[in-house]
Amino acid sequence: MFNAPRATMKPSKNKKSSHHGSNSSESKEIHIDEGVKIAVNLSLERFCYSDQKELEFPSSFTSTERAFVHRLAQSFGYISKSKGKGASRFLTVRKKGVSAKSVRSIFLTLSPSSSYFIRSLLQRFPGSKRERADMQPNIRGGMALAAETENGFDRNRASGR
């Protein structure tokens, strides 16, 4: 169905780069709620195609969820940094380069039978309102972005649990 990149970290060659002094914790897989994994992955993918330079994740994330974001952000080629202390600790993700990435569109030509099967699957297994809203592109300045303020919250900003 949906294959998000796995956030596993290879052991560091330089032992000084370990944040907590333990190499064994770096190779462990992080176990968090699947919904959080999907939301973080979607946020980072949207961030990739946006003109934003920085993305902030909420202070409601647990340390395990922040660790997952750090690893996933690294796999996307971003720089991540946690700031604050205690309950007000939050995480920001920045793009490494200042150059804007161009958005590439891929057009697929589907056969009539493929279109039929896709339509029938969507009728049998319709997406939730949130899933449908996430899939709608918003056109802003010629770029398709999936970030728009809706119901008083910014969908481009990752939500807490």
N, C-alpha and C. Protein backbone atom coordinates (compact mmCIF):
# COMPACT_ATOMS: atom_id res chain seq x y z
N MET A 1 0.83 -1.19 0.00
CA MET A 1 0.00 0.00 0.00
C MET A 1 0.87 1.25 0.00
N PHE A 2 1.36 1.70 1.14
CA PHE A 2 2.17 2.89 1.22
C PHE A 2 3.51 2.48 1.80
N ASN A 3 4.56 2.71 1.07
CA ASN A 3 5.89 2.34 1.54
C ASN A 3 6.68 3.58 1.87
N ALA A 4 6.71 3.93 3.14
CA ALA A 4 7.51 5.06 3.59
C ALA A 4 8.96 4.60 3.73
N PRO A 5 9.91 5.49 3.46
CA PRO A 5 11.30 5.09 3.64
C PRO A 5 11.55 4.68 5.08
N ARG A 6 12.29 3.62 5.27
CA ARG A 6 12.60 3.16 6.62
C ARG A 6 13.61 4.10 7.25
N ALA A 7 13.40 4.38 8.51
CA ALA A 7 14.30 5.29 9.21
C ALA A 7 15.22 4.47 10.10
N THR A 8 16.19 3.84 9.52
CA THR A 8 17.20 3.14 10.29
C THR A 8 18.52 3.85 10.05
N MET A 9 19.33 3.84 11.06
CA MET A 9 20.57 4.59 10.96
C MET A 9 21.75 3.63 10.96
N LYS A 10 22.67 3.82 10.06
CA LYS A 10 23.87 2.99 10.02
C LYS A 10 24.79 3.43 11.15
N PRO A 11 25.53 2.50 11.73
CA PRO A 11 26.47 2.88 12.78
C PRO A 11 27.46 3.91 12.27
N SER A 12 27.75 4.87 13.11
CA SER A 12 28.64 5.96 12.74
C SER A 12 30.08 5.49 12.68
N LYS A 13 30.82 5.99 11.68
CA LYS A 13 32.24 5.67 11.59
C LYS A 13 33.02 6.46 12.63
N ASN A 14 32.55 7.64 12.92
CA ASN A 14 33.20 8.50 13.89
C ASN A 14 32.45 8.41 15.20
N LYS A 15 33.06 7.83 16.22
CA LYS A 15 32.36 7.60 17.48
C LYS A 15 32.01 8.90 18.19
N LYS A 16 32.71 9.99 17.88
CA LYS A 16 32.41 11.26 18.51
C LYS A 16 31.08 11.83 18.04
N SER A 17 30.57 11.38 16.90
CA SER A 17 29.33 11.93 16.37
C SER A 17 28.09 11.36 17.04
N SER A 18 28.25 10.35 17.87
CA SER A 18 27.13 9.74 18.56
C SER A 18 26.57 10.73 19.57
N HIS A 19 25.26 10.97 19.51
CA HIS A 19 24.64 11.97 20.38
C HIS A 19 24.63 11.56 21.84
N HIS A 20 24.40 10.28 22.11
CA HIS A 20 24.25 9.83 23.48
C HIS A 20 25.37 8.91 23.92
N GLY A 21 26.41 8.78 23.13
CA GLY A 21 27.56 7.99 23.50
C GLY A 21 27.35 6.50 23.36
N SER A 22 26.26 6.06 22.79
CA SER A 22 25.99 4.64 22.66
C SER A 22 25.74 4.29 21.20
N ASN A 23 26.62 3.51 20.62
CA ASN A 23 26.44 3.11 19.24
C ASN A 23 25.34 2.08 19.09
N SER A 24 25.03 1.32 20.16
CA SER A 24 24.01 0.29 20.05
C SER A 24 22.63 0.88 19.82
N SER A 25 22.36 2.08 20.34
CA SER A 25 21.05 2.70 20.15
C SER A 25 20.86 3.22 18.74
N GLU A 26 21.97 3.47 18.01
CA GLU A 26 21.86 4.04 16.67
C GLU A 26 21.32 3.05 15.66
N SER A 27 21.61 1.76 15.84
CA SER A 27 21.19 0.78 14.85
C SER A 27 19.82 0.19 15.14
N LYS A 28 19.22 0.54 16.27
CA LYS A 28 17.90 0.01 16.62
C LYS A 28 16.82 0.68 15.78
N GLU A 29 15.80 -0.10 15.45
CA GLU A 29 14.66 0.46 14.73
C GLU A 29 13.76 1.16 15.73
N ILE A 30 13.20 2.28 15.32
CA ILE A 30 12.35 3.07 16.19
C ILE A 30 10.91 2.62 16.01
N HIS A 31 10.23 2.34 17.12
CA HIS A 31 8.84 1.87 17.06
C HIS A 31 7.92 2.99 17.54
N ILE A 32 7.16 3.55 16.58
CA ILE A 32 6.16 4.57 16.90
C ILE A 32 4.89 4.25 16.15
N ASP A 33 3.83 4.96 16.47
CA ASP A 33 2.53 4.75 15.84
C ASP A 33 2.61 4.93 14.33
N GLU A 34 1.96 4.05 13.59
CA GLU A 34 2.00 4.09 12.12
C GLU A 34 1.43 5.40 11.58
N GLY A 35 0.41 5.94 12.24
CA GLY A 35 -0.17 7.21 11.81
C GLY A 35 0.83 8.35 11.90
N VAL A 36 1.64 8.35 12.94
CA VAL A 36 2.67 9.38 13.10
C VAL A 36 3.72 9.22 12.00
N LYS A 37 4.11 7.97 11.72
CA LYS A 37 5.09 7.72 10.66
C LYS A 37 4.60 8.26 9.32
N ILE A 38 3.35 7.98 9.00
CA ILE A 38 2.79 8.43 7.73
C ILE A 38 2.70 9.95 7.69
N ALA A 39 2.24 10.57 8.79
CA ALA A 39 2.12 12.03 8.83
C ALA A 39 3.47 12.71 8.68
N VAL A 40 4.49 12.18 9.35
CA VAL A 40 5.83 12.76 9.27
C VAL A 40 6.38 12.61 7.85
N ASN A 41 6.19 11.42 7.27
CA ASN A 41 6.67 11.18 5.91
C ASN A 41 6.00 12.13 4.91
N LEU A 42 4.67 12.29 5.03
CA LEU A 42 3.95 13.21 4.15
C LEU A 42 4.44 14.65 4.33
N SER A 43 4.66 15.04 5.57
CA SER A 43 5.13 16.41 5.84
C SER A 43 6.49 16.65 5.21
N LEU A 44 7.39 15.67 5.32
CA LEU A 44 8.72 15.83 4.75
C LEU A 44 8.69 15.80 3.22
N GLU A 45 7.80 15.00 2.64
CA GLU A 45 7.66 14.98 1.18
C GLU A 45 7.13 16.31 0.67
N ARG A 46 6.13 16.86 1.35
CA ARG A 46 5.58 18.17 0.96
C ARG A 46 6.64 19.26 1.10
N PHE A 47 7.40 19.16 2.17
CA PHE A 47 8.47 20.13 2.43
C PHE A 47 9.49 20.12 1.29
N CYS A 48 9.74 18.96 0.74
CA CYS A 48 10.70 18.81 -0.36
C CYS A 48 10.31 19.68 -1.55
N TYR A 49 9.02 19.75 -1.86
CA TYR A 49 8.55 20.47 -3.04
C TYR A 49 8.07 21.88 -2.73
N SER A 50 8.15 22.28 -1.48
CA SER A 50 7.71 23.63 -1.12
C SER A 50 8.88 24.60 -1.22
N ASP A 51 8.56 25.88 -1.14
CA ASP A 51 9.62 26.89 -1.15
C ASP A 51 10.05 27.25 0.27
N GLN A 52 9.52 26.54 1.25
CA GLN A 52 9.91 26.76 2.64
C GLN A 52 11.36 26.33 2.84
N LYS A 53 12.03 26.99 3.75
CA LYS A 53 13.41 26.62 4.07
C LYS A 53 13.48 25.83 5.37
N GLU A 54 12.43 25.94 6.20
CA GLU A 54 12.43 25.28 7.50
C GLU A 54 11.05 24.74 7.82
N LEU A 55 11.00 23.58 8.44
CA LEU A 55 9.75 22.94 8.85
C LEU A 55 9.85 22.64 10.33
N GLU A 56 8.83 23.00 11.09
CA GLU A 56 8.86 22.81 12.53
C GLU A 56 7.87 21.72 12.93
N PHE A 57 8.31 20.83 13.82
CA PHE A 57 7.45 19.79 14.36
C PHE A 57 7.09 20.17 15.79
N PRO A 58 5.90 19.79 16.26
CA PRO A 58 5.40 20.29 17.54
C PRO A 58 6.13 19.73 18.76
N SER A 59 5.96 20.44 19.87
CA SER A 59 6.58 20.03 21.12
C SER A 59 5.86 18.83 21.74
N SER A 60 4.71 18.46 21.19
CA SER A 60 3.97 17.31 21.72
C SER A 60 4.59 15.97 21.31
N PHE A 61 5.57 15.99 20.42
CA PHE A 61 6.24 14.75 20.02
C PHE A 61 7.06 14.20 21.19
N THR A 62 7.03 12.89 21.34
CA THR A 62 7.86 12.23 22.35
C THR A 62 9.30 12.18 21.85
N SER A 63 10.21 11.81 22.73
CA SER A 63 11.62 11.71 22.32
C SER A 63 11.80 10.63 21.25
N THR A 64 11.01 9.57 21.32
CA THR A 64 11.09 8.50 20.32
C THR A 64 10.60 9.01 18.97
N GLU A 65 9.52 9.79 18.97
CA GLU A 65 9.00 10.35 17.72
C GLU A 65 9.99 11.36 17.13
N ARG A 66 10.62 12.14 18.00
CA ARG A 66 11.63 13.09 17.51
C ARG A 66 12.82 12.35 16.90
N ALA A 67 13.21 11.24 17.52
CA ALA A 67 14.31 10.43 16.98
C ALA A 67 13.95 9.90 15.60
N PHE A 68 12.69 9.48 15.43
CA PHE A 68 12.23 9.00 14.13
C PHE A 68 12.31 10.12 13.09
N VAL A 69 11.87 11.33 13.46
CA VAL A 69 11.91 12.47 12.54
C VAL A 69 13.36 12.78 12.16
N HIS A 70 14.26 12.75 13.14
CA HIS A 70 15.68 13.01 12.85
C HIS A 70 16.20 12.03 11.81
N ARG A 71 15.92 10.75 11.99
CA ARG A 71 16.43 9.73 11.06
C ARG A 71 15.79 9.85 9.68
N LEU A 72 14.49 10.08 9.65
CA LEU A 72 13.81 10.20 8.36
C LEU A 72 14.27 11.47 7.63
N ALA A 73 14.43 12.56 8.37
CA ALA A 73 14.91 13.81 7.76
C ALA A 73 16.30 13.60 7.17
N GLN A 74 17.14 12.86 7.86
CA GLN A 74 18.48 12.58 7.35
C GLN A 74 18.40 11.77 6.06
N SER A 75 17.45 10.83 5.99
CA SER A 75 17.31 10.02 4.78
C SER A 75 16.82 10.85 3.60
N PHE A 76 16.13 11.96 3.87
CA PHE A 76 15.69 12.88 2.82
C PHE A 76 16.80 13.88 2.45
N GLY A 77 17.88 13.89 3.23
CA GLY A 77 18.97 14.82 2.97
C GLY A 77 18.79 16.16 3.66
N TYR A 78 17.99 16.22 4.71
CA TYR A 78 17.74 17.45 5.44
C TYR A 78 18.61 17.52 6.69
N ILE A 79 18.67 18.70 7.27
CA ILE A 79 19.35 18.91 8.55
C ILE A 79 18.26 19.07 9.60
N SER A 80 18.34 18.32 10.70
CA SER A 80 17.33 18.42 11.75
C SER A 80 17.99 18.82 13.06
N LYS A 81 17.23 19.53 13.90
CA LYS A 81 17.76 20.01 15.17
C LYS A 81 16.63 20.11 16.17
N SER A 82 16.84 19.52 17.36
CA SER A 82 15.88 19.67 18.45
C SER A 82 16.29 20.86 19.29
N LYS A 83 15.28 21.63 19.73
CA LYS A 83 15.54 22.82 20.53
C LYS A 83 14.58 22.84 21.71
N GLY A 84 14.96 23.53 22.77
CA GLY A 84 14.11 23.65 23.93
C GLY A 84 14.39 22.57 24.95
N LYS A 85 13.68 22.65 26.08
CA LYS A 85 13.87 21.68 27.16
C LYS A 85 12.52 21.19 27.66
N GLY A 86 12.52 19.95 28.11
CA GLY A 86 11.34 19.37 28.71
C GLY A 86 10.15 19.33 27.77
N ALA A 87 9.00 19.77 28.29
CA ALA A 87 7.75 19.72 27.52
C ALA A 87 7.74 20.70 26.35
N SER A 88 8.62 21.69 26.38
CA SER A 88 8.65 22.67 25.29
C SER A 88 9.72 22.34 24.24
N ARG A 89 10.25 21.12 24.27
CA ARG A 89 11.26 20.71 23.28
C ARG A 89 10.57 20.44 21.95
N PHE A 90 11.09 21.04 20.89
CA PHE A 90 10.52 20.84 19.56
C PHE A 90 11.64 20.61 18.57
N LEU A 91 11.28 20.27 17.35
CA LEU A 91 12.26 19.88 16.34
C LEU A 91 12.05 20.70 15.08
N THR A 92 13.14 21.14 14.48
CA THR A 92 13.06 21.83 13.20
C THR A 92 13.89 21.07 12.17
N VAL A 93 13.41 21.09 10.94
CA VAL A 93 14.09 20.44 9.82
C VAL A 93 14.37 21.53 8.79
N ARG A 94 15.62 21.57 8.30
CA ARG A 94 16.01 22.56 7.30
C ARG A 94 16.54 21.86 6.06
N LYS A 95 16.39 22.53 4.94
CA LYS A 95 16.97 22.04 3.70
C LYS A 95 18.45 22.40 3.69
N LYS A 96 19.28 21.51 3.19
CA LYS A 96 20.73 21.76 3.16
C LYS A 96 21.10 22.89 2.22
N GLY A 97 20.66 22.82 0.98
CA GLY A 97 21.00 23.84 -0.01
C GLY A 97 19.94 24.90 -0.08
N VAL A 98 20.32 26.06 -0.56
CA VAL A 98 19.36 27.16 -0.73
C VAL A 98 18.66 27.07 -2.07
N SER A 99 19.26 26.35 -3.02
CA SER A 99 18.67 26.27 -4.36
C SER A 99 17.33 25.56 -4.32
N ALA A 100 16.37 26.11 -5.02
CA ALA A 100 15.03 25.53 -5.05
C ALA A 100 15.02 24.33 -5.98
N LYS A 101 14.38 23.26 -5.52
CA LYS A 101 14.26 22.07 -6.37
C LYS A 101 13.09 22.27 -7.32
N SER A 102 13.28 21.87 -8.52
CA SER A 102 12.19 22.00 -9.48
C SER A 102 11.21 20.85 -9.29
N VAL A 103 9.96 21.18 -9.44
CA VAL A 103 8.92 20.17 -9.31
C VAL A 103 8.77 19.47 -10.65
N ARG A 104 8.87 18.17 -10.63
CA ARG A 104 8.74 17.40 -11.86
C ARG A 104 7.40 16.69 -11.84
N SER A 105 6.69 16.81 -12.91
CA SER A 105 5.43 16.10 -13.05
C SER A 105 5.65 14.88 -13.92
N ILE A 106 5.03 13.81 -13.50
CA ILE A 106 5.10 12.58 -14.28
C ILE A 106 3.68 12.27 -14.73
N PHE A 107 3.50 12.12 -16.01
CA PHE A 107 2.20 11.82 -16.56
C PHE A 107 2.14 10.34 -16.91
N LEU A 108 1.09 9.69 -16.46
CA LEU A 108 0.91 8.28 -16.74
C LEU A 108 -0.28 8.10 -17.66
N THR A 109 -0.12 7.31 -18.67
CA THR A 109 -1.22 6.96 -19.54
C THR A 109 -1.73 5.59 -19.10
N LEU A 110 -2.97 5.57 -18.65
CA LEU A 110 -3.55 4.33 -18.16
C LEU A 110 -4.43 3.69 -19.22
N SER A 111 -4.38 2.39 -19.25
CA SER A 111 -5.27 1.67 -20.16
C SER A 111 -6.68 1.74 -19.58
N PRO A 112 -7.70 1.55 -20.40
CA PRO A 112 -9.07 1.58 -19.88
C PRO A 112 -9.29 0.56 -18.75
N SER A 113 -8.68 -0.60 -18.86
CA SER A 113 -8.87 -1.61 -17.80
C SER A 113 -8.20 -1.16 -16.49
N SER A 114 -7.04 -0.51 -16.58
CA SER A 114 -6.38 0.00 -15.38
C SER A 114 -7.23 1.07 -14.72
N SER A 115 -7.77 1.99 -15.53
CA SER A 115 -8.65 3.03 -14.99
C SER A 115 -9.86 2.43 -14.31
N TYR A 116 -10.43 1.40 -14.92
CA TYR A 116 -11.60 0.73 -14.37
C TYR A 116 -11.26 0.13 -13.00
N PHE A 117 -10.14 -0.59 -12.91
CA PHE A 117 -9.77 -1.24 -11.65
C PHE A 117 -9.45 -0.21 -10.56
N ILE A 118 -8.81 0.86 -10.93
CA ILE A 118 -8.51 1.91 -9.95
C ILE A 118 -9.81 2.52 -9.43
N ARG A 119 -10.74 2.83 -10.35
CA ARG A 119 -12.03 3.39 -9.95
C ARG A 119 -12.79 2.43 -9.04
N SER A 120 -12.81 1.14 -9.40
CA SER A 120 -13.56 0.18 -8.59
C SER A 120 -12.92 0.01 -7.21
N LEU A 121 -11.60 0.04 -7.13
CA LEU A 121 -10.94 -0.06 -5.83
C LEU A 121 -11.25 1.16 -4.97
N LEU A 122 -11.24 2.34 -5.58
CA LEU A 122 -11.55 3.55 -4.83
C LEU A 122 -13.01 3.57 -4.36
N GLN A 123 -13.90 2.96 -5.13
CA GLN A 123 -15.29 2.87 -4.71
C GLN A 123 -15.45 1.86 -3.57
N ARG A 124 -14.74 0.75 -3.66
CA ARG A 124 -14.83 -0.27 -2.61
C ARG A 124 -14.12 0.16 -1.33
N PHE A 125 -13.00 0.87 -1.47
CA PHE A 125 -12.21 1.30 -0.33
C PHE A 125 -11.95 2.80 -0.40
N PRO A 126 -12.98 3.60 -0.16
CA PRO A 126 -12.79 5.06 -0.28
C PRO A 126 -11.86 5.57 0.83
N GLY A 127 -11.12 6.61 0.50
CA GLY A 127 -10.23 7.22 1.48
C GLY A 127 -11.02 8.08 2.45
N SER A 128 -10.43 8.36 3.60
CA SER A 128 -11.08 9.24 4.57
C SER A 128 -11.04 10.67 4.05
N LYS A 129 -11.77 11.56 4.70
CA LYS A 129 -11.77 12.97 4.29
C LYS A 129 -10.37 13.54 4.35
N ARG A 130 -9.64 13.18 5.38
CA ARG A 130 -8.27 13.70 5.53
C ARG A 130 -7.37 13.18 4.41
N GLU A 131 -7.50 11.90 4.06
CA GLU A 131 -6.69 11.34 2.98
C GLU A 131 -7.00 12.01 1.65
N ARG A 132 -8.30 12.25 1.40
CA ARG A 132 -8.67 12.92 0.15
C ARG A 132 -8.13 14.35 0.13
N ALA A 133 -8.20 15.04 1.27
CA ALA A 133 -7.69 16.41 1.34
C ALA A 133 -6.17 16.43 1.14
N ASP A 134 -5.49 15.43 1.69
CA ASP A 134 -4.03 15.36 1.54
C ASP A 134 -3.62 15.16 0.09
N MET A 135 -4.45 14.52 -0.69
CA MET A 135 -4.11 14.21 -2.08
C MET A 135 -4.44 15.35 -3.04
N GLN A 136 -5.16 16.38 -2.57
CA GLN A 136 -5.54 17.49 -3.43
C GLN A 136 -4.40 18.48 -3.53
N PRO A 137 -3.90 18.74 -4.74
CA PRO A 137 -2.84 19.74 -4.87
C PRO A 137 -3.43 21.14 -4.80
N ASN A 138 -2.68 22.04 -4.20
CA ASN A 138 -3.07 23.45 -4.17
C ASN A 138 -2.11 24.19 -5.07
N ILE A 139 -2.63 24.92 -6.03
CA ILE A 139 -1.79 25.63 -6.98
C ILE A 139 -1.47 27.01 -6.41
N ARG A 140 -0.17 27.28 -6.29
CA ARG A 140 0.26 28.57 -5.76
C ARG A 140 1.51 28.97 -6.53
N GLY A 141 1.41 29.98 -7.36
CA GLY A 141 2.56 30.47 -8.12
C GLY A 141 3.10 29.45 -9.11
N GLY A 142 2.22 28.62 -9.67
CA GLY A 142 2.66 27.65 -10.66
C GLY A 142 3.19 26.37 -10.07
N MET A 143 3.34 26.31 -8.75
CA MET A 143 3.83 25.09 -8.11
C MET A 143 2.67 24.39 -7.42
N ALA A 144 2.64 23.10 -7.50
CA ALA A 144 1.61 22.33 -6.81
C ALA A 144 2.10 22.03 -5.41
N LEU A 145 1.38 22.54 -4.42
CA LEU A 145 1.73 22.28 -3.03
C LEU A 145 0.53 21.68 -2.34
N ALA A 146 0.79 20.85 -1.38
CA ALA A 146 -0.29 20.26 -0.60
C ALA A 146 -0.34 20.91 0.77
N ALA A 147 -0.13 22.19 0.83
CA ALA A 147 -0.14 22.90 2.10
C ALA A 147 -1.06 24.10 2.00
N GLU A 148 -2.10 24.09 2.76
CA GLU A 148 -3.03 25.20 2.77
C GLU A 148 -3.64 25.26 4.16
N THR A 149 -3.92 26.45 4.62
CA THR A 149 -4.54 26.59 5.92
C THR A 149 -6.01 26.20 5.79
N GLU A 150 -6.41 25.26 6.61
CA GLU A 150 -7.78 24.77 6.57
C GLU A 150 -8.27 24.62 8.00
N ASN A 151 -9.46 25.12 8.29
CA ASN A 151 -10.05 25.03 9.62
C ASN A 151 -9.14 25.61 10.70
N GLY A 152 -8.39 26.63 10.38
CA GLY A 152 -7.59 27.31 11.38
C GLY A 152 -6.26 26.66 11.70
N PHE A 153 -5.87 25.61 11.02
CA PHE A 153 -4.54 25.04 11.27
C PHE A 153 -3.79 24.88 9.97
N ASP A 154 -2.49 24.92 10.07
CA ASP A 154 -1.63 24.83 8.90
C ASP A 154 -1.32 23.37 8.63
N ARG A 155 -1.81 22.85 7.49
CA ARG A 155 -1.60 21.43 7.17
C ARG A 155 -0.16 21.14 6.79
N ASN A 156 0.63 22.16 6.49
CA ASN A 156 2.03 21.93 6.15
C ASN A 156 2.87 21.70 7.40
N ARG A 157 2.37 22.13 8.52
CA ARG A 157 3.07 21.93 9.78
C ARG A 157 2.62 20.59 10.34
N ALA A 158 3.55 19.77 10.74
CA ALA A 158 3.23 18.44 11.24
C ALA A 158 2.40 18.55 12.50
N SER A 159 1.43 17.68 12.63
CA SER A 159 0.58 17.72 13.81
C SER A 159 1.12 16.79 14.87
N GLY A 160 0.74 17.03 16.08
CA GLY A 160 1.12 16.13 17.18
C GLY A 160 0.26 14.89 17.13
N ARG A 161 0.39 14.07 18.14
CA ARG A 161 -0.37 12.82 18.15
C ARG A 161 -1.83 13.04 18.27
